[in-house]
């Protein structure tokens, strides 16, 4: 009680000096409050972003393994590489189902493709003759397929990466399309193919396999391909003109009716952690995956999605360190000056019997009391200003994320979806992964000054006070009261 009483009397007696110290700590407190609030919010956003991205694994060629013994200068080497490529064991939908049965995999989706010919519709192409150049040829390679159309089936909207990326955009779509698209013989066709065959929504088309079996589909939507280099393209039609989109179940039904149909599958597995990719790959090999395949992840995409928020986190950390460093130095210097000015006071108090420990505790208590008041006021000012500052820093990120959501909604034939995608007939309600972070649903970012921030601020403030008090602690221990009084005389 004696220490606190003397400390309070000293604070009132030296108002000017303590007000100066209080203002410095107040400025530090404001800066630290805003910085901590932004930093904690940025960390939460990064975690939210990463949880919004599905941790995807796909199967790709292990080119390094395939080209290990390849010698392009030798004919035998080229033939060996070609033979090795031709003999790679492919995987089927049953293999994918078997691969997906793993403790590391949370869910999966896939694209299933098969080649079919037209029955009631014609392939969009320009035939070459002596009078007309073949616009389908480019770079010496003929644009020829063994079948008229590629029927591509998606297991869910998650698998429709072309629409999510913006490569395809739905130009016309039936009202109930997304309610039934994944549960029957329904298709989306390219608008160029629709124009070529005079087709419209809800028309029926028939396709046939090479054995003469016919399959009927209803058109639910018409899409267009957004070619970035369309002005430079030498083809009259887009690359997807003869691609017809359906659901994976429809293709499964086709392959069950005709076992001679050769379908190719491209799966995407959603895993629990990127750390388990190597274990999962070893498990796939044990389950029969050819070792010329390798697992690939979207980890780089997920990291790139949080780069702007990470920059803000990094900026906040740097600013916090600089603020504390400068603030600590200023307080240290002020404390040294304070001790020199109060040297005689220290001598008198030591002469009348006040111990070094009590004297040290009094000086530290003075600084703690001033700092505590300044920290409270600074925290209040910081709490009021932190939201506006954080939203200003994150404004571009919020805007770009919201624009991205709108864009994807339009690609699927709808207006702004507010983070929700149409019913896709599956169990996953929100569009996660494929570059769609959770920040898209925010109109602003609340940099909240909560209990965590207050505790961090209190810890920083007390640490700063104690560090800057080292000057007074050391000086008091070294001062001799008789020498001080003698110098004063």
Protein backbone atom coordinates (compact mmCIF):
# COMPACT_ATOMS: atom_id res chain seq x y z
CA UNK A 1 0.00 0.00 0.00
CA UNK A 2 2.88 2.36 0.84
CA UNK A 3 4.39 1.75 -2.59
CA UNK A 4 1.11 2.42 -4.47
CA UNK A 5 0.38 5.52 -2.36
CA UNK A 6 3.80 7.02 -3.07
CA UNK A 7 3.49 6.07 -6.74
CA UNK A 8 0.14 7.86 -7.05
CA UNK A 9 1.48 10.99 -5.26
CA UNK A 10 4.48 11.02 -7.62
CA UNK A 11 2.24 10.67 -10.68
CA UNK A 12 0.16 13.70 -9.63
CA UNK A 13 3.27 15.70 -8.76
CA UNK A 14 4.93 15.05 -12.13
CA UNK A 15 1.87 15.47 -14.38
CA UNK A 16 3.70 16.81 -17.44
CA UNK A 17 6.18 13.95 -17.64
CA UNK A 18 3.53 11.29 -17.02
CA UNK A 19 1.16 12.81 -19.56
CA UNK A 20 3.98 12.59 -22.13
CA UNK A 21 4.60 8.94 -21.23
CA UNK A 22 0.84 8.30 -21.35
CA UNK A 23 0.52 9.86 -24.83
CA UNK A 24 3.38 7.71 -26.15
CA UNK A 25 1.86 4.54 -24.68
CA UNK A 26 -1.58 5.62 -25.96
CA UNK A 27 -0.24 5.91 -29.52
CA UNK A 28 1.49 2.54 -29.19
CA UNK A 29 -1.72 1.02 -27.77
CA UNK A 30 -3.86 2.37 -30.64
CA UNK A 31 -1.44 1.08 -33.26
CA UNK A 32 -1.08 -2.30 -31.55
CA UNK A 33 -4.85 -2.70 -31.09
CA UNK A 34 -5.58 -2.03 -34.75
CA UNK A 35 -2.64 -4.18 -35.87
CA UNK A 36 -3.54 -7.11 -33.59
CA UNK A 37 -7.20 -6.95 -34.64
CA UNK A 38 -6.26 -6.95 -38.34
CA UNK A 39 -3.64 -9.65 -37.83
CA UNK A 40 -6.02 -11.95 -35.95
CA UNK A 41 -8.74 -11.33 -38.52
CA UNK A 42 -6.30 -12.06 -41.35
CA UNK A 43 -5.25 -15.32 -39.67
CA UNK A 44 -8.92 -16.30 -39.29
CA UNK A 45 -9.51 -15.43 -42.95
CA UNK A 46 -6.55 -17.53 -44.07
CA UNK A 47 -7.86 -20.48 -42.07
CA UNK A 48 -11.31 -19.84 -43.52
CA UNK A 49 -9.90 -19.66 -47.06
CA UNK A 50 -7.98 -22.88 -46.67
CA UNK A 51 -10.96 -24.69 -45.22
CA UNK A 52 -13.05 -23.35 -48.12
CA UNK A 53 -10.71 -24.90 -50.65
CA UNK A 54 -11.28 -28.58 -51.05
CA UNK A 55 -7.93 -30.34 -50.76
CA UNK A 56 -8.04 -31.94 -54.20
CA UNK A 57 -6.00 -34.82 -55.56
CA UNK A 58 -6.08 -35.88 -59.20
CA UNK A 59 -4.30 -38.64 -61.10
CA UNK A 60 -1.75 -37.56 -63.71
CA UNK A 61 1.08 -39.09 -65.71
CA UNK A 62 4.40 -39.60 -63.95
CA UNK A 63 6.38 -38.15 -66.82
CA UNK A 64 9.68 -38.42 -64.98
CA UNK A 65 9.16 -42.16 -64.55
CA UNK A 66 7.96 -42.63 -68.12
CA UNK A 67 10.92 -40.76 -69.64
CA UNK A 68 13.52 -42.28 -67.32
CA UNK A 69 15.12 -44.54 -69.94
CA UNK A 70 14.07 -42.56 -73.00
CA UNK A 71 16.82 -41.74 -75.48
CA UNK A 72 15.39 -39.54 -78.30
CA UNK A 73 18.51 -40.04 -80.43
CA UNK A 74 17.91 -43.79 -80.70
CA UNK A 75 15.13 -45.37 -82.74
CA UNK A 76 14.88 -48.20 -80.24
CA UNK A 77 14.52 -45.69 -77.40
CA UNK A 78 11.64 -43.94 -79.17
CA UNK A 79 9.89 -47.22 -79.88
CA UNK A 80 10.42 -48.38 -76.31
CA UNK A 81 8.91 -45.16 -74.95
CA UNK A 82 5.94 -45.47 -77.32
CA UNK A 83 5.40 -49.09 -76.30
CA UNK A 84 5.66 -48.15 -72.62
CA UNK A 85 3.06 -45.43 -73.11
CA UNK A 86 0.68 -47.75 -74.97
CA UNK A 87 0.95 -50.41 -72.28
CA UNK A 88 0.07 -48.18 -69.32
CA UNK A 89 -2.70 -49.91 -67.42
CA UNK A 90 -5.75 -47.65 -67.41
CA UNK A 91 -8.20 -47.48 -64.53
CA UNK A 92 -11.97 -47.83 -64.55
CA UNK A 93 -14.85 -46.39 -62.55
CA UNK A 94 -14.75 -49.46 -60.29
CA UNK A 95 -11.05 -48.74 -59.68
CA UNK A 96 -11.91 -45.13 -58.78
CA UNK A 97 -14.54 -46.36 -56.34
CA UNK A 98 -11.94 -48.68 -54.83
CA UNK A 99 -9.35 -45.88 -54.61
CA UNK A 100 -11.90 -43.62 -52.93
CA UNK A 101 -12.43 -46.15 -50.15
CA UNK A 102 -9.65 -44.68 -48.00
CA UNK A 103 -9.47 -43.07 -44.59
CA UNK A 104 -7.61 -40.15 -46.19
CA UNK A 105 -10.42 -39.39 -48.68
CA UNK A 106 -13.51 -37.43 -47.61
CA UNK A 107 -15.37 -37.42 -50.95
CA UNK A 108 -14.77 -37.57 -54.69
CA UNK A 109 -16.26 -36.63 -58.03
CA UNK A 110 -15.30 -37.39 -61.61
CA UNK A 111 -15.72 -36.72 -65.30
CA UNK A 112 -16.72 -39.67 -67.50
CA UNK A 113 -16.35 -39.43 -71.30
CA UNK A 114 -17.31 -41.60 -74.24
CA UNK A 115 -17.34 -41.16 -78.02
CA UNK A 116 -20.67 -41.44 -79.90
CA UNK A 117 -21.95 -40.71 -83.39
CA UNK A 118 -24.90 -38.59 -84.42
CA UNK A 119 -28.24 -40.16 -85.29
CA UNK A 120 -30.63 -37.23 -85.52
CA UNK A 121 -27.96 -34.52 -85.42
CA UNK A 122 -24.88 -33.83 -87.54
CA UNK A 123 -21.34 -33.14 -86.41
CA UNK A 124 -20.37 -29.49 -86.90
CA UNK A 125 -17.48 -29.48 -89.35
CA UNK A 126 -16.24 -27.91 -92.55
CA UNK A 127 -15.37 -30.46 -95.21
CA UNK A 128 -12.20 -29.78 -97.17
CA UNK A 129 -12.23 -29.85 -100.98
CA UNK A 130 -10.31 -28.35 -103.85
CA UNK A 131 -12.22 -25.08 -103.67
CA UNK A 132 -12.31 -24.56 -99.88
CA UNK A 133 -9.47 -24.80 -97.33
CA UNK A 134 -9.91 -27.13 -94.35
CA UNK A 135 -10.34 -24.70 -91.49
CA UNK A 136 -10.37 -27.64 -89.09
CA UNK A 137 -6.67 -28.26 -89.75
CA UNK A 138 -4.15 -26.22 -87.80
CA UNK A 139 -0.43 -26.60 -87.42
CA UNK A 140 -0.35 -29.65 -89.70
CA UNK A 141 -2.62 -31.71 -87.45
CA UNK A 142 -6.02 -32.81 -88.69
CA UNK A 143 -8.98 -32.16 -86.40
CA UNK A 144 -10.34 -35.68 -86.83
CA UNK A 145 -12.03 -37.98 -84.32
CA UNK A 146 -13.11 -41.61 -84.69
CA UNK A 147 -16.58 -40.58 -83.50
CA UNK A 148 -18.71 -37.54 -84.19
CA UNK A 149 -19.21 -36.40 -80.62
CA UNK A 150 -17.58 -36.58 -77.24
CA UNK A 151 -20.23 -37.17 -74.59
CA UNK A 152 -18.79 -35.87 -71.30
CA UNK A 153 -20.56 -36.78 -68.09
CA UNK A 154 -20.02 -34.91 -64.81
CA UNK A 155 -20.80 -36.49 -61.46
CA UNK A 156 -21.68 -33.07 -59.94
CA UNK A 157 -21.25 -29.36 -60.49
CA UNK A 158 -17.97 -29.58 -58.59
CA UNK A 159 -16.59 -31.54 -61.53
CA UNK A 160 -17.67 -28.91 -64.07
CA UNK A 161 -14.35 -27.08 -63.95
CA UNK A 162 -14.83 -25.43 -67.37
CA UNK A 163 -17.87 -23.53 -66.10
CA UNK A 164 -16.20 -22.68 -62.81
CA UNK A 165 -13.08 -21.36 -64.54
CA UNK A 166 -15.16 -19.41 -67.06
CA UNK A 167 -14.03 -21.37 -70.12
CA UNK A 168 -17.69 -22.26 -70.72
CA UNK A 169 -20.70 -20.05 -70.03
CA UNK A 170 -24.34 -21.11 -70.14
CA UNK A 171 -26.12 -18.87 -72.68
CA UNK A 172 -29.55 -20.55 -72.39
CA UNK A 173 -30.83 -22.87 -69.69
CA UNK A 174 -34.15 -24.45 -68.72
CA UNK A 175 -35.74 -23.21 -65.49
CA UNK A 176 -35.54 -26.57 -63.73
CA UNK A 177 -32.22 -27.61 -65.26
CA UNK A 178 -30.13 -27.94 -62.08
CA UNK A 179 -32.90 -29.88 -60.32
CA UNK A 180 -32.87 -32.71 -62.86
CA UNK A 181 -29.59 -32.41 -64.78
CA UNK A 182 -27.79 -35.11 -62.78
CA UNK A 183 -30.59 -37.67 -62.74
CA UNK A 184 -31.42 -38.70 -66.29
CA UNK A 185 -30.67 -38.48 -70.01
CA UNK A 186 -30.26 -34.70 -70.17
CA UNK A 187 -27.59 -32.74 -72.01
CA UNK A 188 -26.07 -29.30 -72.51
CA UNK A 189 -24.80 -28.60 -76.04
CA UNK A 190 -22.56 -25.98 -77.60
CA UNK A 191 -24.47 -23.03 -79.12
CA UNK A 192 -22.58 -23.51 -82.42
CA UNK A 193 -23.76 -27.13 -82.60
CA UNK A 194 -27.29 -26.01 -81.73
CA UNK A 195 -27.22 -23.43 -84.53
CA UNK A 196 -25.69 -25.93 -86.96
CA UNK A 197 -28.55 -28.40 -86.31
CA UNK A 198 -31.29 -25.83 -85.60
CA UNK A 199 -31.78 -27.09 -82.04
CA UNK A 200 -33.32 -25.32 -79.05
CA UNK A 201 -34.07 -25.97 -75.37
CA UNK A 202 -36.09 -29.11 -74.57
CA UNK A 203 -35.50 -30.59 -78.04
CA UNK A 204 -34.68 -34.30 -78.13
CA UNK A 205 -31.57 -35.62 -79.87
CA UNK A 206 -30.42 -39.16 -80.60
CA UNK A 207 -26.85 -40.45 -80.55
CA UNK A 208 -25.60 -43.90 -81.44
CA UNK A 209 -22.57 -46.04 -80.68
CA UNK A 210 -20.50 -47.93 -83.23
CA UNK A 211 -22.64 -51.04 -82.73
CA UNK A 212 -25.76 -49.16 -83.86
CA UNK A 213 -27.40 -48.76 -80.43
CA UNK A 214 -29.26 -45.43 -80.12
CA UNK A 215 -29.66 -43.23 -77.06
CA UNK A 216 -32.08 -40.32 -76.67
CA UNK A 217 -31.30 -37.15 -74.69
CA UNK A 218 -33.20 -33.95 -73.90
CA UNK A 219 -31.47 -30.56 -74.20
CA UNK A 220 -31.58 -28.65 -70.90
CA UNK A 221 -29.07 -25.97 -71.72
CA UNK A 222 -26.97 -24.36 -74.42
CA UNK A 223 -23.46 -23.15 -73.60
CA UNK A 224 -20.76 -21.20 -75.38
CA UNK A 225 -16.99 -21.50 -75.18
CA UNK A 226 -15.08 -18.37 -74.22
CA UNK A 227 -11.95 -18.59 -76.35
CA UNK A 228 -9.31 -16.03 -75.38
CA UNK A 229 -7.54 -16.49 -78.71
CA UNK A 230 -10.69 -16.71 -80.83
CA UNK A 231 -9.51 -13.81 -83.00
CA UNK A 232 -6.37 -15.77 -83.91
CA UNK A 233 -8.07 -19.16 -84.29
CA UNK A 234 -8.00 -20.67 -87.78
CA UNK A 235 -10.97 -22.93 -87.05
CA UNK A 236 -14.51 -21.88 -87.89
CA UNK A 237 -15.80 -23.68 -84.80
CA UNK A 238 -14.70 -23.66 -81.19
CA UNK A 239 -12.89 -26.68 -79.76
CA UNK A 240 -15.96 -27.76 -77.78
CA UNK A 241 -18.42 -27.50 -80.65
CA UNK A 242 -18.91 -31.28 -80.76
CA UNK A 243 -18.70 -31.80 -77.02
CA UNK A 244 -22.01 -32.72 -75.45
CA UNK A 245 -22.31 -32.46 -71.67
CA UNK A 246 -24.38 -34.82 -69.57
CA UNK A 247 -24.19 -36.47 -66.16
CA UNK A 248 -21.90 -39.36 -65.25
CA UNK A 249 -24.78 -41.70 -64.40
CA UNK A 250 -26.08 -41.41 -67.96
CA UNK A 251 -22.72 -42.62 -69.32
CA UNK A 252 -22.58 -45.42 -66.74
CA UNK A 253 -25.98 -46.57 -68.04
CA UNK A 254 -24.63 -46.49 -71.61
CA UNK A 255 -21.59 -48.60 -70.74
CA UNK A 256 -23.78 -51.09 -68.90
CA UNK A 257 -25.99 -51.47 -71.98
CA UNK A 258 -22.99 -51.86 -74.29
CA UNK A 259 -19.82 -53.31 -72.77
CA UNK A 260 -17.89 -52.52 -75.97
CA UNK A 261 -18.11 -48.79 -75.27
CA UNK A 262 -14.74 -47.47 -74.17
CA UNK A 263 -15.17 -44.69 -71.62
CA UNK A 264 -12.43 -42.69 -69.93
CA UNK A 265 -12.68 -41.37 -66.39
CA UNK A 266 -10.96 -38.39 -64.72
CA UNK A 267 -11.52 -38.46 -60.95
CA UNK A 268 -10.89 -35.79 -58.31
CA UNK A 269 -10.51 -36.90 -54.70
CA UNK A 270 -11.09 -34.60 -51.72
CA UNK A 271 -8.58 -35.49 -49.00
CA UNK A 272 -8.33 -34.54 -45.33
CA UNK A 273 -4.79 -33.15 -45.49
CA UNK A 274 -2.06 -32.48 -48.04
CA UNK A 275 0.33 -34.18 -45.61
CA UNK A 276 -1.27 -37.53 -46.45
CA UNK A 277 -0.73 -37.40 -50.23
CA UNK A 278 2.33 -39.68 -50.20
CA UNK A 279 0.55 -42.23 -48.00
CA UNK A 280 -2.50 -42.07 -50.28
CA UNK A 281 -0.34 -42.56 -53.37
CA UNK A 282 1.28 -45.65 -51.84
CA UNK A 283 -2.21 -46.94 -51.03
CA UNK A 284 -3.35 -46.35 -54.64
CA UNK A 285 -0.38 -48.33 -55.95
CA UNK A 286 -1.25 -51.18 -53.59
CA UNK A 287 -4.80 -51.11 -54.95
CA UNK A 288 -3.56 -51.49 -58.52
CA UNK A 289 -2.80 -48.01 -59.88
CA UNK A 290 -0.11 -48.17 -62.57
CA UNK A 291 3.15 -46.64 -61.28
CA UNK A 292 3.33 -44.50 -64.41
CA UNK A 293 0.59 -42.43 -62.79
CA UNK A 294 1.19 -40.02 -59.94
CA UNK A 295 -1.06 -38.04 -57.60
CA UNK A 296 -1.23 -34.27 -58.07
CA UNK A 297 -2.76 -31.69 -55.71
CA UNK A 298 -4.24 -28.19 -55.88
CA UNK A 299 -2.14 -26.99 -52.94
CA UNK A 300 -0.50 -24.23 -54.97
CA UNK A 301 -3.93 -22.96 -56.01
CA UNK A 302 -5.10 -22.91 -52.39
CA UNK A 303 -1.96 -21.02 -51.34
CA UNK A 304 -2.35 -18.50 -54.16
CA UNK A 305 -5.94 -17.88 -53.05
CA UNK A 306 -4.76 -16.52 -49.70
CA UNK A 307 -1.74 -14.57 -50.96
CA UNK A 308 -3.38 -11.14 -50.66
CA UNK A 309 -4.59 -11.83 -47.12
CA UNK A 310 -1.16 -13.22 -46.22
CA UNK A 311 0.34 -9.96 -47.43
CA UNK A 312 -1.91 -8.09 -45.01
CA UNK A 313 -0.92 -10.47 -42.20
CA UNK A 314 2.75 -9.95 -43.03
CA UNK A 315 2.29 -6.16 -43.18
CA UNK A 316 0.49 -6.19 -39.81
CA UNK A 317 3.28 -8.25 -38.21
CA UNK A 318 6.00 -5.96 -39.59
CA UNK A 319 4.13 -2.84 -38.49
CA UNK A 320 3.61 -4.32 -35.01
CA UNK A 321 7.32 -5.14 -34.60
CA UNK A 322 8.41 -1.68 -35.80
CA UNK A 323 5.87 0.03 -33.51
CA UNK A 324 7.02 -1.94 -30.47
CA UNK A 325 10.71 -1.42 -31.28
CA UNK A 326 10.40 2.35 -31.69
CA UNK A 327 8.01 2.65 -28.74
CA UNK A 328 10.30 0.61 -26.51
CA UNK A 329 13.33 2.74 -27.39
CA UNK A 330 11.44 6.02 -26.78
CA UNK A 331 10.11 4.82 -23.41
CA UNK A 332 13.57 3.58 -22.40
CA UNK A 333 15.12 6.98 -23.17
CA UNK A 334 12.35 8.85 -21.31
CA UNK A 335 12.84 6.59 -18.29
CA UNK A 336 16.57 7.26 -18.26
CA UNK A 337 15.93 11.00 -18.36
CA UNK A 338 13.29 10.58 -15.65
CA UNK A 339 15.75 8.78 -13.34
CA UNK A 340 18.43 11.43 -13.85
CA UNK A 341 15.93 14.19 -13.02
CA UNK A 342 14.74 12.37 -9.89
CA UNK A 343 18.20 11.39 -8.68
CA UNK A 344 17.98 13.61 -5.58
CA UNK A 345 14.53 12.20 -4.72
CA UNK A 346 16.00 8.69 -4.87
CA UNK A 347 18.85 9.76 -2.57
CA UNK A 348 16.45 11.23 0.03
CA UNK A 349 14.18 8.16 0.01
CA UNK A 350 17.13 5.82 0.34
CA UNK A 351 18.53 7.94 3.24
CA UNK A 352 15.30 7.72 5.25
CA UNK A 353 15.39 3.94 4.98
CA UNK A 354 13.37 2.98 1.88
CA UNK A 355 14.87 -0.21 0.50
CA UNK A 356 16.12 -0.52 -3.07
CA UNK A 357 13.41 -3.12 -3.81
CA UNK A 358 10.55 -0.89 -2.60
CA UNK A 359 11.96 2.09 -4.45
CA UNK A 360 12.28 0.08 -7.65
CA UNK A 361 8.72 -1.21 -7.26
CA UNK A 362 7.44 2.34 -6.74
CA UNK A 363 9.03 3.59 -9.98
CA UNK A 364 7.75 0.57 -11.90
CA UNK A 365 4.27 1.00 -10.33
CA UNK A 366 4.12 4.59 -11.54
CA UNK A 367 4.81 3.49 -15.09
CA UNK A 368 2.37 0.55 -14.84
CA UNK A 369 -0.48 2.80 -13.61
CA UNK A 370 0.10 5.34 -16.40
CA UNK A 371 0.49 2.55 -18.96
CA UNK A 372 -2.69 0.75 -17.82
CA UNK A 373 -4.83 3.88 -18.22
CA UNK A 374 -3.22 4.66 -21.60
CA UNK A 375 -3.72 1.06 -22.78
CA UNK A 376 -7.43 1.15 -21.92
CA UNK A 377 -7.97 4.43 -23.76
CA UNK A 378 -5.82 3.22 -26.69
CA UNK A 379 -7.74 -0.06 -26.90
CA UNK A 380 -11.03 1.88 -27.09
CA UNK A 381 -9.78 4.15 -29.88
CA UNK A 382 -8.25 1.18 -31.71
CA UNK A 383 -11.48 -0.81 -31.43
CA UNK A 384 -13.44 2.00 -33.08
CA UNK A 385 -10.97 2.52 -35.93
CA UNK A 386 -9.86 -1.07 -36.61
CA UNK A 387 -12.91 -2.11 -38.65
CA UNK A 388 -12.62 0.80 -41.07
CA UNK A 389 -8.89 0.34 -41.51
CA UNK A 390 -9.15 -3.43 -42.04
CA UNK A 391 -11.96 -3.05 -44.57
CA UNK A 392 -9.92 -0.46 -46.41
CA UNK A 393 -6.96 -2.85 -46.59
CA UNK A 394 -9.16 -5.78 -47.63
CA UNK A 395 -11.51 -3.83 -49.92
CA UNK A 396 -9.95 -5.16 -53.14
CA UNK A 397 -10.02 -8.73 -51.85
CA UNK A 398 -13.69 -8.51 -50.89
CA UNK A 399 -14.63 -6.94 -54.22
CA UNK A 400 -12.69 -9.44 -56.35
CA UNK A 401 -14.12 -12.40 -54.39
CA UNK A 402 -17.69 -11.16 -54.77
CA UNK A 403 -17.13 -10.54 -58.48
CA UNK A 404 -15.75 -14.06 -58.81
CA UNK A 405 -18.88 -15.50 -57.19
CA UNK A 406 -21.13 -13.51 -59.51
CA UNK A 407 -19.09 -14.61 -62.50
CA UNK A 408 -19.36 -18.32 -61.64
CA UNK A 409 -23.09 -17.98 -61.05
CA UNK A 410 -23.47 -16.47 -64.51
CA UNK A 411 -21.32 -19.21 -66.05
CA UNK A 412 -23.86 -21.73 -64.75
CA UNK A 413 -26.71 -19.71 -66.22
CA UNK A 414 -27.87 -17.88 -63.08
CA UNK A 415 -27.55 -14.47 -61.48
CA UNK A 416 -25.50 -13.71 -58.37
CA UNK A 417 -25.59 -16.72 -56.07
CA UNK A 418 -24.30 -15.13 -52.85
CA UNK A 419 -21.95 -18.02 -52.27
CA UNK A 420 -24.65 -20.67 -52.90
CA UNK A 421 -24.80 -22.71 -56.06
CA UNK A 422 -27.97 -24.26 -57.54
CA UNK A 423 -29.08 -27.67 -56.37
CA UNK A 424 -26.80 -30.15 -58.08
CA UNK A 425 -28.51 -33.33 -56.98
CA UNK A 426 -25.63 -34.22 -54.64
CA UNK A 427 -24.84 -33.92 -50.97
CA UNK A 428 -22.49 -30.95 -51.11
CA UNK A 429 -24.49 -27.74 -50.84
CA UNK A 430 -21.89 -25.02 -51.30
CA UNK A 431 -19.39 -24.50 -54.06
CA UNK A 432 -16.10 -25.23 -52.33
CA UNK A 433 -12.75 -25.63 -54.01
CA UNK A 434 -11.95 -24.56 -57.57
CA UNK A 435 -10.83 -21.15 -56.32
CA UNK A 436 -13.95 -20.27 -54.33
CA UNK A 437 -12.98 -19.00 -50.84
CA UNK A 438 -15.44 -18.30 -48.01
CA UNK A 439 -14.67 -14.56 -48.01
CA UNK A 440 -17.00 -14.32 -51.00
CA UNK A 441 -20.03 -14.12 -48.67
CA UNK A 442 -18.75 -11.09 -46.75
CA UNK A 443 -19.69 -7.48 -47.43
CA UNK A 444 -17.04 -6.37 -44.92
CA UNK A 445 -14.43 -7.78 -42.59
CA UNK A 446 -14.95 -7.18 -38.89
CA UNK A 447 -11.55 -6.71 -37.26
CA UNK A 448 -12.96 -7.38 -33.79
CA UNK A 449 -11.18 -6.22 -30.66
CA UNK A 450 -12.15 -9.21 -28.51
CA UNK A 451 -10.82 -10.67 -25.27
CA UNK A 452 -7.95 -12.28 -27.16
CA UNK A 453 -6.82 -8.92 -28.58
CA UNK A 454 -7.16 -7.22 -25.17
CA UNK A 455 -5.09 -9.91 -23.46
CA UNK A 456 -2.44 -9.70 -26.19
CA UNK A 457 -2.42 -5.90 -25.87
CA UNK A 458 -2.11 -6.12 -22.07
CA UNK A 459 0.76 -8.60 -22.38
CA UNK A 460 2.55 -6.40 -24.91
CA UNK A 461 1.98 -3.28 -22.80
CA UNK A 462 3.29 -4.83 -19.60
CA UNK A 463 6.28 -6.32 -21.40
CA UNK A 464 7.06 -2.92 -22.92
CA UNK A 465 6.77 -1.24 -19.51
CA UNK A 466 9.04 -3.77 -17.83
CA UNK A 467 11.63 -3.61 -20.60
CA UNK A 468 11.65 0.20 -20.60
CA UNK A 469 11.89 0.15 -16.77
CA UNK A 470 15.22 -1.65 -16.87
CA UNK A 471 16.95 1.77 -16.85
CA UNK A 472 15.30 2.75 -13.56
CA UNK A 473 15.85 -0.69 -11.99
CA UNK A 474 19.57 -0.74 -12.78
CA UNK A 475 20.12 2.92 -11.86
CA UNK A 476 18.39 2.61 -8.48
CA UNK A 477 20.48 -0.43 -7.60
CA UNK A 478 23.70 1.42 -8.46
CA UNK A 479 22.95 4.78 -6.80
CA UNK A 480 24.58 5.50 -3.41
CA UNK A 481 22.31 7.80 -1.30
CA UNK A 482 25.25 9.61 0.40
CA UNK A 483 26.95 10.28 -2.93
CA UNK A 484 23.69 11.62 -4.37
CA UNK A 485 23.11 13.99 -1.47
CA UNK A 486 26.74 15.12 -1.54
CA UNK A 487 26.53 15.88 -5.28
CA UNK A 488 23.31 17.80 -4.65
CA UNK A 489 25.01 19.90 -1.95
